[in-house]
Structure formats: C-alpha cells, structure tokens
C-alpha cells in the first residue's frame, strides 16, 4: 500500500541530507560513465543507471553488494556478448538472440548466486549493439567504481525507500 503524503514528507524531512547526497553521488558517477560511453551504447548506459539506483537508493539490498554488482554485470557482459554472435539473418533470429541474452543471464546469475537485475539489461544491450573492448572496459570500470563507492561510503548511505 502506498504511503500517505504526510508520512513521505516526514521521512524526507528526517533524511533529506541522505536523499540529496546519495542522488548527487549517483549523478557524479554517471557523468563519468557518460564520458566513457557514448549514447550509441544507450542500453548499456541505461543498465548502469539502474545499477547506480540499486547502489545509491537500496545500498543494504543483497543486489547492491559487490559480489552481485560485479558478478552479475560480468554475467550480463558475457551473456550479451555471446548472444551478439548469433547470426541474425531474419527478424525472428534477432528476437531470439535478444531473448536468450536476457534469459541466459538470469539463469547464470541465479546458478552462481550473483543476482543483479540491471545486469540482464546489460546483456540485452550488448546483444543488440554487440561487444567492443571499449564498452567491455567501460562496463568493468563502472561496476568496480560503483562497488568501491558502495564499500567505502557504506556507513554514510542508507536505504532511501
């Protein structure tokens, strides 16, 4: 059930510094991601934006832990890159490759206990756009930086939801 507006206002008043600090922190990290990745990789950037949300809005969540952020995104990187190699002579084959990227990433994350929902978006983005070393390096760098920020600032950030 949705919270009443008064309750939301009270929560904001009590924790407004966290709301502002954590949102600004996410903004700064994402500026770095945008500098490295172009809008040509918009789906990849979108998945990293979702990762930033998990880390800065839900830092106590299991999906915000380094094992899940780094491991899940590595699974997404691998799954999406492999599915981009599937020949796509027809529209149906493209759809199959994209769906396999998402489904495969979910399967591997669940089996390896590295669940991180935005990583399936990364898999989809790479299946659509294809793998490049610059994108791979940018993704690895971004998730490591996000995980380090989460680790070092854990005492200063709180769940916002």
Protein backbone atom coordinates (compact mmCIF):
# COMPACT_ATOMS: atom_id res chain seq x y z
CA UNK A 1 0.00 0.00 0.00
CA UNK A 2 1.23 3.47 -0.83
CA UNK A 3 2.40 5.69 2.00
CA UNK A 4 0.37 8.79 2.82
CA UNK A 5 1.90 12.07 1.65
CA UNK A 6 2.41 13.27 5.24
CA UNK A 7 4.48 10.19 6.03
CA UNK A 8 6.61 10.75 2.91
CA UNK A 9 7.16 14.40 3.87
CA UNK A 10 8.21 13.42 7.41
CA UNK A 11 10.61 10.82 6.08
CA UNK A 12 12.09 13.33 3.64
CA UNK A 13 12.48 15.96 6.35
CA UNK A 14 14.25 13.47 8.60
CA UNK A 15 16.63 12.18 5.93
CA UNK A 16 16.84 14.92 3.29
CA UNK A 17 20.64 15.04 3.50
CA UNK A 18 20.84 11.37 2.51
CA UNK A 19 18.40 11.92 -0.37
CA UNK A 20 20.47 14.83 -1.72
CA UNK A 21 23.93 13.35 -1.03
CA UNK A 22 23.18 9.92 -2.48
CA UNK A 23 21.44 11.34 -5.56
CA UNK A 24 24.32 13.74 -6.22
CA UNK A 25 26.83 10.94 -5.72
CA UNK A 26 24.99 8.82 -8.29
CA UNK A 27 24.96 11.82 -10.65
CA UNK A 28 28.74 12.27 -10.40
CA UNK A 29 29.41 8.58 -11.01
CA UNK A 30 27.07 8.54 -14.01
CA UNK A 31 28.78 11.60 -15.50
CA UNK A 32 31.95 9.50 -15.54
CA UNK A 33 30.08 6.68 -17.27
CA UNK A 34 28.68 9.08 -19.88
CA UNK A 35 32.16 10.46 -20.58
CA UNK A 36 33.42 6.97 -21.39
CA UNK A 37 30.35 5.51 -23.09
CA UNK A 38 28.57 7.34 -25.87
CA UNK A 39 24.83 7.42 -26.49
CA UNK A 40 25.49 4.78 -29.15
CA UNK A 41 25.58 2.43 -26.16
CA UNK A 42 22.39 3.85 -24.65
CA UNK A 43 21.01 0.49 -23.46
CA UNK A 44 24.31 -0.31 -21.72
CA UNK A 45 24.31 3.12 -20.11
CA UNK A 46 20.70 2.62 -19.02
CA UNK A 47 21.56 -0.65 -17.28
CA UNK A 48 24.43 1.07 -15.45
CA UNK A 49 21.98 3.79 -14.42
CA UNK A 50 19.81 1.06 -12.93
CA UNK A 51 22.85 -0.31 -11.11
CA UNK A 52 23.53 3.17 -9.71
CA UNK A 53 19.92 3.29 -8.47
CA UNK A 54 20.31 -0.02 -6.66
CA UNK A 55 23.59 1.05 -5.04
CA UNK A 56 22.52 4.55 -4.01
CA UNK A 57 18.82 4.03 -3.21
CA UNK A 58 18.96 0.47 -1.86
CA UNK A 59 22.53 0.11 -0.51
CA UNK A 60 21.54 -2.53 2.06
CA UNK A 61 19.98 -4.76 -0.60
CA UNK A 62 21.74 -8.01 -1.48
CA UNK A 63 21.69 -6.89 -5.13
CA UNK A 64 23.82 -3.86 -4.16
CA UNK A 65 26.63 -6.00 -2.72
CA UNK A 66 29.89 -6.11 -4.68
CA UNK A 67 29.57 -9.84 -5.45
CA UNK A 68 26.21 -9.23 -7.09
CA UNK A 69 27.05 -5.94 -8.80
CA UNK A 70 30.36 -7.09 -10.26
CA UNK A 71 29.43 -10.75 -10.74
CA UNK A 72 26.01 -10.03 -12.19
CA UNK A 73 27.37 -7.47 -14.63
CA UNK A 74 30.15 -9.84 -15.72
CA UNK A 75 27.46 -12.45 -16.40
CA UNK A 76 25.48 -9.84 -18.36
CA UNK A 77 28.59 -8.84 -20.28
CA UNK A 78 29.33 -12.46 -21.19
CA UNK A 79 25.75 -13.45 -21.99
CA UNK A 80 25.07 -10.38 -24.13
CA UNK A 81 28.38 -10.63 -25.96
CA UNK A 82 27.86 -14.31 -26.79
CA UNK A 83 24.30 -13.72 -27.97
CA UNK A 84 25.51 -10.88 -30.20
CA UNK A 85 27.49 -13.54 -32.10
CA UNK A 86 24.34 -15.45 -33.05
CA UNK A 87 23.73 -14.95 -36.78
CA UNK A 88 20.67 -12.76 -37.25
CA UNK A 89 19.64 -13.07 -40.89
CA UNK A 90 15.96 -12.69 -40.02
CA UNK A 91 13.99 -10.59 -37.59
CA UNK A 92 12.98 -13.71 -35.63
CA UNK A 93 16.63 -14.66 -35.08
CA UNK A 94 17.31 -11.18 -33.71
CA UNK A 95 14.45 -11.54 -31.25
CA UNK A 96 15.68 -14.98 -30.26
CA UNK A 97 19.22 -13.70 -29.65
CA UNK A 98 17.95 -10.80 -27.52
CA UNK A 99 15.65 -13.06 -25.50
CA UNK A 100 18.44 -15.61 -24.99
CA UNK A 101 20.71 -12.86 -23.69
CA UNK A 102 18.19 -11.93 -21.01
CA UNK A 103 17.10 -15.48 -20.16
CA UNK A 104 20.67 -16.78 -20.19
CA UNK A 105 21.89 -14.01 -17.92
CA UNK A 106 19.08 -14.70 -15.45
CA UNK A 107 19.88 -18.42 -15.45
CA UNK A 108 23.62 -17.93 -14.90
CA UNK A 109 23.13 -15.26 -12.21
CA UNK A 110 20.72 -17.46 -10.28
CA UNK A 111 23.02 -20.51 -10.55
CA UNK A 112 26.11 -18.51 -9.50
CA UNK A 113 24.28 -16.57 -6.76
CA UNK A 114 25.15 -13.21 -8.35
CA UNK A 115 21.65 -11.86 -8.91
CA UNK A 116 21.66 -8.23 -10.05
CA UNK A 117 18.54 -7.34 -12.11
CA UNK A 118 20.11 -4.46 -14.12
CA UNK A 119 22.69 -6.92 -15.47
CA UNK A 120 20.01 -8.54 -17.63
CA UNK A 121 19.51 -5.11 -19.21
CA UNK A 122 23.24 -5.02 -19.88
CA UNK A 123 23.01 -8.44 -21.54
CA UNK A 124 20.18 -7.17 -23.75
CA UNK A 125 22.10 -4.00 -24.63
CA UNK A 126 25.17 -5.94 -25.68
CA UNK A 127 23.13 -8.46 -27.66
CA UNK A 128 21.61 -5.55 -29.58
CA UNK A 129 24.74 -3.40 -30.04
CA UNK A 130 27.44 -6.08 -29.99
CA UNK A 131 30.60 -6.33 -27.94
CA UNK A 132 33.50 -3.94 -28.20
CA UNK A 133 36.55 -3.74 -26.00
CA UNK A 134 35.86 -0.11 -25.16
CA UNK A 135 32.36 -0.98 -23.93
CA UNK A 136 33.66 -4.01 -22.01
CA UNK A 137 36.36 -1.97 -20.28
CA UNK A 138 33.93 0.85 -19.52
CA UNK A 139 31.39 -1.57 -18.00
CA UNK A 140 34.00 -3.32 -15.86
CA UNK A 141 35.43 0.01 -14.71
CA UNK A 142 31.99 1.46 -13.95
CA UNK A 143 30.81 -1.52 -11.87
CA UNK A 144 34.09 -1.70 -9.95
CA UNK A 145 33.95 2.05 -9.22
CA UNK A 146 30.29 1.78 -8.16
CA UNK A 147 31.14 -1.17 -5.89
CA UNK A 148 34.10 0.68 -4.36
CA UNK A 149 31.97 3.75 -3.71
CA UNK A 150 29.36 1.50 -2.10
CA UNK A 151 32.00 -0.15 0.08
CA UNK A 152 33.80 2.99 1.25
CA UNK A 153 30.68 5.07 1.82
CA UNK A 154 28.50 2.30 3.27
CA UNK A 155 28.40 3.98 6.67
CA UNK A 156 27.19 7.25 5.12
CA UNK A 157 24.46 5.92 2.86
CA UNK A 158 21.14 4.42 3.85
CA UNK A 159 18.19 2.76 2.15
CA UNK A 160 16.01 5.56 0.78
CA UNK A 161 12.89 3.53 0.11
